[in-house]
Amino acid sequence: MTKIRLSRFGSKGNPHYRIVVVDERNKRDGAYIERIGYYDPRKTTKDWLKVDAERAKYWLGTGAQPTETAKKLLKQAGVIEGK
């Protein structure tokens, strides 16, 4: 199954995450199919959340399941609508 989840990068104490499409059997920071966004939880820059909405909608349309955290970020970016 294909998942949309976060992959960590950045130095110790300075987390940054890529929003990636990945086969669920791969490790958290392992190989991914496509990178569709970026997230900075510390909000150190003006653009702390970037998502390629077109590609995210494509992957959701093909059956990719977002994790809970990825789902919240996609809602904030306006890719999927909240309740």
PDB file of N, CA and C in Angstrom:
ATOM      1  N   MET A   1       0.839  -1.182   0.000  1.00  0.00           N
ATOM      2  CA  MET A   1       0.000   0.000   0.000  1.00  0.00           C
ATOM      3  C   MET A   1       0.879   1.239   0.000  1.00  0.00           C
ATOM      4  N   THR A   2       0.420   2.257  -0.658  1.00  0.00           N
ATOM      5  CA  THR A   2       1.136   3.523  -0.745  1.00  0.00           C
ATOM      6  C   THR A   2       0.641   4.455   0.355  1.00  0.00           C
ATOM      7  N   LYS A   3       1.583   5.108   1.024  1.00  0.00           N
ATOM      8  CA  LYS A   3       1.258   6.028   2.116  1.00  0.00           C
ATOM      9  C   LYS A   3       1.841   7.405   1.834  1.00  0.00           C
ATOM     10  N   ILE A   4       1.200   8.409   2.390  1.00  0.00           N
ATOM     11  CA  ILE A   4       1.747   9.765   2.407  1.00  0.00           C
ATOM     12  C   ILE A   4       2.138  10.017   3.853  1.00  0.00           C
ATOM     13  N   ARG A   5       3.427  10.219   4.084  1.00  0.00           N
ATOM     14  CA  ARG A   5       3.898  10.391   5.456  1.00  0.00           C
ATOM     15  C   ARG A   5       5.086  11.328   5.506  1.00  0.00           C
ATOM     16  N   LEU A   6       5.595  11.567   6.714  1.00  0.00           N
ATOM     17  CA  LEU A   6       6.710  12.482   6.910  1.00  0.00           C
ATOM     18  C   LEU A   6       8.022  11.720   6.971  1.00  0.00           C
ATOM     19  N   SER A   7       9.051  12.319   6.411  1.00  0.00           N
ATOM     20  CA  SER A   7      10.405  11.773   6.462  1.00  0.00           C
ATOM     21  C   SER A   7      11.293  12.847   7.071  1.00  0.00           C
ATOM     22  N   ARG A   8      11.991  12.516   8.145  1.00  0.00           N
ATOM     23  CA  ARG A   8      12.763  13.519   8.877  1.00  0.00           C
ATOM     24  C   ARG A   8      14.114  13.762   8.244  1.00  0.00           C
ATOM     25  N   PHE A   9      14.523  15.028   8.226  1.00  0.00           N
ATOM     26  CA  PHE A   9      15.888  15.406   7.903  1.00  0.00           C
ATOM     27  C   PHE A   9      16.206  16.634   8.736  1.00  0.00           C
ATOM     28  N   GLY A  10      17.413  17.108   8.676  1.00  0.00           N
ATOM     29  CA  GLY A  10      17.822  18.223   9.523  1.00  0.00           C
ATOM     30  C   GLY A  10      18.739  17.732  10.615  1.00  0.00           C
ATOM     31  N   SER A  11      19.385  18.642  11.277  1.00  0.00           N
ATOM     32  CA  SER A  11      20.343  18.271  12.303  1.00  0.00           C
ATOM     33  C   SER A  11      19.655  17.971  13.635  1.00  0.00           C
ATOM     34  N   LYS A  12      20.436  17.474  14.567  1.00  0.00           N
ATOM     35  CA  LYS A  12      19.915  17.150  15.891  1.00  0.00           C
ATOM     36  C   LYS A  12      19.377  18.418  16.553  1.00  0.00           C
ATOM     37  N   GLY A  13      18.151  18.350  17.036  1.00  0.00           N
ATOM     38  CA  GLY A  13      17.534  19.504  17.675  1.00  0.00           C
ATOM     39  C   GLY A  13      16.954  20.510  16.702  1.00  0.00           C
ATOM     40  N   ASN A  14      17.057  20.246  15.412  1.00  0.00           N
ATOM     41  CA  ASN A  14      16.534  21.151  14.389  1.00  0.00           C
ATOM     42  C   ASN A  14      15.769  20.331  13.348  1.00  0.00           C
ATOM     43  N   PRO A  15      14.611  19.805  13.728  1.00  0.00           N
ATOM     44  CA  PRO A  15      13.906  18.909  12.812  1.00  0.00           C
ATOM     45  C   PRO A  15      13.258  19.643  11.643  1.00  0.00           C
ATOM     46  N   HIS A  16      13.290  18.998  10.506  1.00  0.00           N
ATOM     47  CA  HIS A  16      12.573  19.410   9.309  1.00  0.00           C
ATOM     48  C   HIS A  16      12.032  18.124   8.707  1.00  0.00           C
ATOM     49  N   TYR A  17      10.927  18.204   8.030  1.00  0.00           N
ATOM     50  CA  TYR A  17      10.311  17.006   7.474  1.00  0.00           C
ATOM     51  C   TYR A  17       9.954  17.208   6.023  1.00  0.00           C
ATOM     52  N   ARG A  18      10.121  16.152   5.248  1.00  0.00           N
ATOM     53  CA  ARG A  18       9.624  16.114   3.881  1.00  0.00           C
ATOM     54  C   ARG A  18       8.304  15.363   3.917  1.00  0.00           C
ATOM     55  N   ILE A  19       7.339  15.825   3.156  1.00  0.00           N
ATOM     56  CA  ILE A  19       6.083  15.095   2.996  1.00  0.00           C
ATOM     57  C   ILE A  19       6.279  14.250   1.742  1.00  0.00           C
ATOM     58  N   VAL A  20       6.282  12.925   1.923  1.00  0.00           N
ATOM     59  CA  VAL A  20       6.645  12.024   0.839  1.00  0.00           C
ATOM     60  C   VAL A  20       5.581  10.967   0.601  1.00  0.00           C
ATOM     61  N   VAL A  21       5.587  10.431  -0.611  1.00  0.00           N
ATOM     62  CA  VAL A  21       4.766   9.284  -0.973  1.00  0.00           C
ATOM     63  C   VAL A  21       5.711   8.090  -0.959  1.00  0.00           C
ATOM     64  N   VAL A  22       5.325   7.043  -0.214  1.00  0.00           N
ATOM     65  CA  VAL A  22       6.244   5.932   0.004  1.00  0.00           C
ATOM     66  C   VAL A  22       5.473   4.620   0.102  1.00  0.00           C
ATOM     67  N   ASP A  23       6.137   3.533  -0.234  1.00  0.00           N
ATOM     68  CA  ASP A  23       5.569   2.209   0.006  1.00  0.00           C
ATOM     69  C   ASP A  23       5.647   1.996   1.518  1.00  0.00           C
ATOM     70  N   GLU A  24       4.562   1.554   2.136  1.00  0.00           N
ATOM     71  CA  GLU A  24       4.512   1.466   3.590  1.00  0.00           C
ATOM     72  C   GLU A  24       5.544   0.513   4.185  1.00  0.00           C
ATOM     73  N   ARG A  25       6.124  -0.368   3.388  1.00  0.00           N
ATOM     74  CA  ARG A  25       7.115  -1.316   3.906  1.00  0.00           C
ATOM     75  C   ARG A  25       8.492  -0.688   4.065  1.00  0.00           C
ATOM     76  N   ASN A  26       8.723   0.490   3.495  1.00  0.00           N
ATOM     77  CA  ASN A  26      10.017   1.160   3.615  1.00  0.00           C
ATOM     78  C   ASN A  26      10.165   1.825   4.976  1.00  0.00           C
ATOM     79  N   LYS A  27      11.418   2.045   5.369  1.00  0.00           N
ATOM     80  CA  LYS A  27      11.708   2.710   6.636  1.00  0.00           C
ATOM     81  C   LYS A  27      11.287   4.172   6.581  1.00  0.00           C
ATOM     82  N   ARG A  28      11.217   4.790   7.763  1.00  0.00           N
ATOM     83  CA  ARG A  28      10.767   6.184   7.847  1.00  0.00           C
ATOM     84  C   ARG A  28      11.595   7.109   6.959  1.00  0.00           C
ATOM     85  N   ASP A  29      12.896   6.985   7.013  1.00  0.00           N
ATOM     86  CA  ASP A  29      13.771   7.854   6.229  1.00  0.00           C
ATOM     87  C   ASP A  29      14.347   7.130   5.017  1.00  0.00           C
ATOM     88  N   GLY A  30      13.717   6.038   4.610  1.00  0.00           N
ATOM     89  CA  GLY A  30      14.202   5.256   3.473  1.00  0.00           C
ATOM     90  C   GLY A  30      13.793   5.860   2.143  1.00  0.00           C
ATOM     91  N   ALA A  31      13.874   5.025   1.119  1.00  0.00           N
ATOM     92  CA  ALA A  31      13.559   5.469  -0.240  1.00  0.00           C
ATOM     93  C   ALA A  31      12.083   5.844  -0.355  1.00  0.00           C
ATOM     94  N   TYR A  32      11.820   6.882  -1.118  1.00  0.00           N
ATOM     95  CA  TYR A  32      10.443   7.297  -1.336  1.00  0.00           C
ATOM     96  C   TYR A  32      10.167   7.411  -2.832  1.00  0.00           C
ATOM     97  N   ILE A  33       8.902   7.389  -3.187  1.00  0.00           N
ATOM     98  CA  ILE A  33       8.490   7.456  -4.584  1.00  0.00           C
ATOM     99  C   ILE A  33       8.558   8.897  -5.084  1.00  0.00           C
ATOM    100  N   GLU A  34       7.995   9.807  -4.293  1.00  0.00           N
ATOM    101  CA  GLU A  34       7.974  11.216  -4.696  1.00  0.00           C
ATOM    102  C   GLU A  34       7.875  12.105  -3.467  1.00  0.00           C
ATOM    103  N   ARG A  35       8.572  13.238  -3.510  1.00  0.00           N
ATOM    104  CA  ARG A  35       8.461  14.233  -2.452  1.00  0.00           C
ATOM    105  C   ARG A  35       7.422  15.249  -2.893  1.00  0.00           C
ATOM    106  N   ILE A  36       6.399  15.453  -2.067  1.00  0.00           N
ATOM    107  CA  ILE A  36       5.331  16.377  -2.459  1.00  0.00           C
ATOM    108  C   ILE A  36       5.255  17.614  -1.574  1.00  0.00           C
ATOM    109  N   GLY A  37       6.128  17.702  -0.578  1.00  0.00           N
ATOM    110  CA  GLY A  37       6.061  18.893   0.265  1.00  0.00           C
ATOM    111  C   GLY A  37       7.157  18.962   1.301  1.00  0.00           C
ATOM    112  N   TYR A  38       7.036  19.963   2.158  1.00  0.00           N
ATOM    113  CA  TYR A  38       8.033  20.288   3.169  1.00  0.00           C
ATOM    114  C   TYR A  38       7.322  20.843   4.391  1.00  0.00           C
ATOM    115  N   TYR A  39       7.828  20.524   5.575  1.00  0.00           N
ATOM    116  CA  TYR A  39       7.228  21.010   6.812  1.00  0.00           C
ATOM    117  C   TYR A  39       8.312  21.333   7.829  1.00  0.00           C
ATOM    118  N   ASP A  40       8.248  22.528   8.390  1.00  0.00           N
ATOM    119  CA  ASP A  40       9.166  22.965   9.446  1.00  0.00           C
ATOM    120  C   ASP A  40       8.348  23.157  10.719  1.00  0.00           C
ATOM    121  N   PRO A  41       8.400  22.215  11.668  1.00  0.00           N
ATOM    122  CA  PRO A  41       7.567  22.321  12.868  1.00  0.00           C
ATOM    123  C   PRO A  41       7.923  23.501  13.772  1.00  0.00           C
ATOM    124  N   ARG A  42       9.121  24.012  13.664  1.00  0.00           N
ATOM    125  CA  ARG A  42       9.517  25.148  14.500  1.00  0.00           C
ATOM    126  C   ARG A  42       9.080  26.477  13.896  1.00  0.00           C
ATOM    127  N   LYS A  43       8.637  26.462  12.667  1.00  0.00           N
ATOM    128  CA  LYS A  43       8.140  27.659  11.968  1.00  0.00           C
ATOM    129  C   LYS A  43       9.171  28.786  11.971  1.00  0.00           C
ATOM    130  N   THR A  44      10.411  28.439  11.614  1.00  0.00           N
ATOM    131  CA  THR A  44      11.488  29.419  11.620  1.00  0.00           C
ATOM    132  C   THR A  44      11.490  30.303  10.384  1.00  0.00           C
ATOM    133  N   THR A  45      10.747  29.900   9.351  1.00  0.00           N
ATOM    134  CA  THR A  45      10.674  30.714   8.140  1.00  0.00           C
ATOM    135  C   THR A  45       9.218  31.055   7.833  1.00  0.00           C
ATOM    136  N   LYS A  46       9.050  31.975   6.909  1.00  0.00           N
ATOM    137  CA  LYS A  46       7.717  32.402   6.531  1.00  0.00           C
ATOM    138  C   LYS A  46       6.922  31.275   5.863  1.00  0.00           C
ATOM    139  N   ASP A  47       7.594  30.493   5.050  1.00  0.00           N
ATOM    140  CA  ASP A  47       6.945  29.373   4.347  1.00  0.00           C
ATOM    141  C   ASP A  47       7.273  28.049   5.037  1.00  0.00           C
ATOM    142  N   TRP A  48       6.758  27.864   6.230  1.00  0.00           N
ATOM    143  CA  TRP A  48       7.068  26.677   7.031  1.00  0.00           C
ATOM    144  C   TRP A  48       6.324  25.433   6.570  1.00  0.00           C
ATOM    145  N   LEU A  49       5.332  25.584   5.708  1.00  0.00           N
ATOM    146  CA  LEU A  49       4.600  24.455   5.153  1.00  0.00           C
ATOM    147  C   LEU A  49       4.382  24.676   3.669  1.00  0.00           C
ATOM    148  N   LYS A  50       4.938  23.786   2.854  1.00  0.00           N
ATOM    149  CA  LYS A  50       4.750  23.831   1.411  1.00  0.00           C
ATOM    150  C   LYS A  50       4.256  22.473   0.956  1.00  0.00           C
ATOM    151  N   VAL A  51       3.199  22.469   0.153  1.00  0.00           N
ATOM    152  CA  VAL A  51       2.676  21.219  -0.393  1.00  0.00           C
ATOM    153  C   VAL A  51       2.327  21.449  -1.859  1.00  0.00           C
ATOM    154  N   ASP A  52       2.762  20.532  -2.709  1.00  0.00           N
ATOM    155  CA  ASP A  52       2.364  20.559  -4.116  1.00  0.00           C
ATOM    156  C   ASP A  52       0.966  19.959  -4.173  1.00  0.00           C
ATOM    157  N   ALA A  53      -0.050  20.810  -4.161  1.00  0.00           N
ATOM    158  CA  ALA A  53      -1.440  20.379  -4.059  1.00  0.00           C
ATOM    159  C   ALA A  53      -1.858  19.480  -5.214  1.00  0.00           C
ATOM    160  N   GLU A  54      -1.404  19.784  -6.405  1.00  0.00           N
ATOM    161  CA  GLU A  54      -1.777  18.991  -7.576  1.00  0.00           C
ATOM    162  C   GLU A  54      -1.288  17.550  -7.447  1.00  0.00           C
ATOM    163  N   ARG A  55      -0.035  17.376  -7.047  1.00  0.00           N
ATOM    164  CA  ARG A  55       0.532  16.029  -6.896  1.00  0.00           C
ATOM    165  C   ARG A  55      -0.083  15.297  -5.693  1.00  0.00           C
ATOM    166  N   ALA A  56      -0.365  16.040  -4.628  1.00  0.00           N
ATOM    167  CA  ALA A  56      -0.994  15.419  -3.461  1.00  0.00           C
ATOM    168  C   ALA A  56      -2.381  14.894  -3.828  1.00  0.00           C
ATOM    169  N   LYS A  57      -3.146  15.672  -4.577  1.00  0.00           N
ATOM    170  CA  LYS A  57      -4.473  15.225  -5.005  1.00  0.00           C
ATOM    171  C   LYS A  57      -4.375  14.022  -5.934  1.00  0.00           C
ATOM    172  N   TYR A  58      -3.351  14.015  -6.783  1.00  0.00           N
ATOM    173  CA  TYR A  58      -3.148  12.870  -7.675  1.00  0.00           C
ATOM    174  C   TYR A  58      -2.932  11.598  -6.861  1.00  0.00           C
ATOM    175  N   TRP A  59      -2.022  11.668  -5.881  1.00  0.00           N
ATOM    176  CA  TRP A  59      -1.713  10.474  -5.086  1.00  0.00           C
ATOM    177  C   TRP A  59      -2.891  10.046  -4.228  1.00  0.00           C
ATOM    178  N   LEU A  60      -3.639  10.993  -3.694  1.00  0.00           N
ATOM    179  CA  LEU A  60      -4.834  10.638  -2.933  1.00  0.00           C
ATOM    180  C   LEU A  60      -5.865   9.976  -3.843  1.00  0.00           C
ATOM    181  N   GLY A  61      -5.932  10.427  -5.085  1.00  0.00           N
ATOM    182  CA  GLY A  61      -6.850   9.854  -6.055  1.00  0.00           C
ATOM    183  C   GLY A  61      -6.480   8.450  -6.473  1.00  0.00           C
ATOM    184  N   THR A  62      -5.194   8.117  -6.397  1.00  0.00           N
ATOM    185  CA  THR A  62      -4.756   6.774  -6.765  1.00  0.00           C
ATOM    186  C   THR A  62      -4.809   5.802  -5.589  1.00  0.00           C
ATOM    187  N   GLY A  63      -5.242   6.286  -4.431  1.00  0.00           N
ATOM    188  CA  GLY A  63      -5.423   5.392  -3.289  1.00  0.00           C
ATOM    189  C   GLY A  63      -4.384   5.500  -2.194  1.00  0.00           C
ATOM    190  N   ALA A  64      -3.486   6.466  -2.264  1.00  0.00           N
ATOM    191  CA  ALA A  64      -2.494   6.639  -1.201  1.00  0.00           C
ATOM    192  C   ALA A  64      -3.197   7.092   0.079  1.00  0.00           C
ATOM    193  N   GLN A  65      -2.832   6.482   1.199  1.00  0.00           N
ATOM    194  CA  GLN A  65      -3.438   6.796   2.489  1.00  0.00           C
ATOM    195  C   GLN A  65      -2.497   7.680   3.309  1.00  0.00           C
ATOM    196  N   PRO A  66      -2.925   8.880   3.710  1.00  0.00           N
ATOM    197  CA  PRO A  66      -2.065   9.730   4.536  1.00  0.00           C
ATOM    198  C   PRO A  66      -2.084   9.274   6.000  1.00  0.00           C
ATOM    199  N   THR A  67      -0.955   9.449   6.681  1.00  0.00           N
ATOM    200  CA  THR A  67      -0.921   9.201   8.115  1.00  0.00           C
ATOM    201  C   THR A  67      -1.683  10.330   8.804  1.00  0.00           C
ATOM    202  N   GLU A  68      -1.940  10.194  10.091  1.00  0.00           N
ATOM    203  CA  GLU A  68      -2.702  11.225  10.819  1.00  0.00           C
ATOM    204  C   GLU A  68      -2.016  12.590  10.742  1.00  0.00           C
ATOM    205  N   THR A  69      -0.705  12.624  10.950  1.00  0.00           N
ATOM    206  CA  THR A  69       0.020  13.893  10.913  1.00  0.00           C
ATOM    207  C   THR A  69       0.008  14.475   9.509  1.00  0.00           C
ATOM    208  N   ALA A  70       0.234  13.645   8.512  1.00  0.00           N
ATOM    209  CA  ALA A  70       0.222  14.120   7.127  1.00  0.00           C
ATOM    210  C   ALA A  70      -1.167  14.628   6.751  1.00  0.00           C
ATOM    211  N   LYS A  71      -2.187  13.969   7.252  1.00  0.00           N
ATOM    212  CA  LYS A  71      -3.561  14.386   6.966  1.00  0.00           C
ATOM    213  C   LYS A  71      -3.827  15.785   7.533  1.00  0.00           C
ATOM    214  N   LYS A  72      -3.360  16.041   8.760  1.00  0.00           N
ATOM    215  CA  LYS A  72      -3.526  17.360   9.377  1.00  0.00           C
ATOM    216  C   LYS A  72      -2.810  18.438   8.566  1.00  0.00           C
ATOM    217  N   LEU A  73      -1.606  18.119   8.089  1.00  0.00           N
ATOM    218  CA  LEU A  73      -0.843  19.089   7.306  1.00  0.00           C
ATOM    219  C   LEU A  73      -1.500  19.344   5.952  1.00  0.00           C
ATOM    220  N   LEU A  74      -2.036  18.299   5.335  1.00  0.00           N
ATOM    221  CA  LEU A  74      -2.726  18.470   4.056  1.00  0.00           C
ATOM    222  C   LEU A  74      -3.996  19.309   4.226  1.00  0.00           C
ATOM    223  N   LYS A  75      -4.660  19.177   5.373  1.00  0.00           N
ATOM    224  CA  LYS A  75      -5.827  20.018   5.650  1.00  0.00           C
ATOM    225  C   LYS A  75      -5.413  21.466   5.818  1.00  0.00           C
ATOM    226  N   GLN A  76      -4.305  21.708   6.523  1.00  0.00           N
ATOM    227  CA  GLN A  76      -3.822  23.077   6.722  1.00  0.00           C
ATOM    228  C   GLN A  76      -3.443  23.725   5.391  1.00  0.00           C
ATOM    229  N   ALA A  77      -2.916  22.905   4.474  1.00  0.00           N
ATOM    230  CA  ALA A  77      -2.506  23.422   3.176  1.00  0.00           C
ATOM    231  C   ALA A  77      -3.683  23.589   2.221  1.00  0.00           C
ATOM    232  N   GLY A  78      -4.852  23.075   2.608  1.00  0.00           N
ATOM    233  CA  GLY A  78      -6.047  23.213   1.786  1.00  0.00           C
ATOM    234  C   GLY A  78      -6.191  22.157   0.700  1.00  0.00           C
ATOM    235  N   VAL A  79      -5.424  21.074   0.804  1.00  0.00           N
ATOM    236  CA  VAL A  79      -5.494  20.014  -0.195  1.00  0.00           C
ATOM    237  C   VAL A  79      -6.732  19.162   0.028  1.00  0.00           C
ATOM    238  N   ILE A  80      -6.995  18.812   1.286  1.00  0.00           N
ATOM    239  CA  ILE A  80      -8.221  18.073   1.609  1.00  0.00           C
ATOM    240  C   ILE A  80      -9.047  18.919   2.556  1.00  0.00           C
ATOM    241  N   GLU A  81     -10.338  18.746   2.457  1.00  0.00           N
ATOM    242  CA  GLU A  81     -11.237  19.571   3.264  1.00  0.00           C
ATOM    243  C   GLU A  81     -11.510  18.904   4.604  1.00  0.00           C
ATOM    244  N   GLY A  82     -11.519  19.705   5.656  1.00  0.00           N
ATOM    245  CA  GLY A  82     -11.829  19.206   6.989  1.00  0.00           C
ATOM    246  C   GLY A  82     -13.316  19.204   7.244  1.00  0.00           C
ATOM    247  N   LYS A  83     -13.693  18.574   8.339  1.00  0.00           N
ATOM    248  CA  LYS A  83     -15.112  18.514   8.698  1.00  0.00           C
ATOM    249  C   LYS A  83     -15.565  19.799   9.343  1.00  0.00           C
TER     250      LYS A  83
END
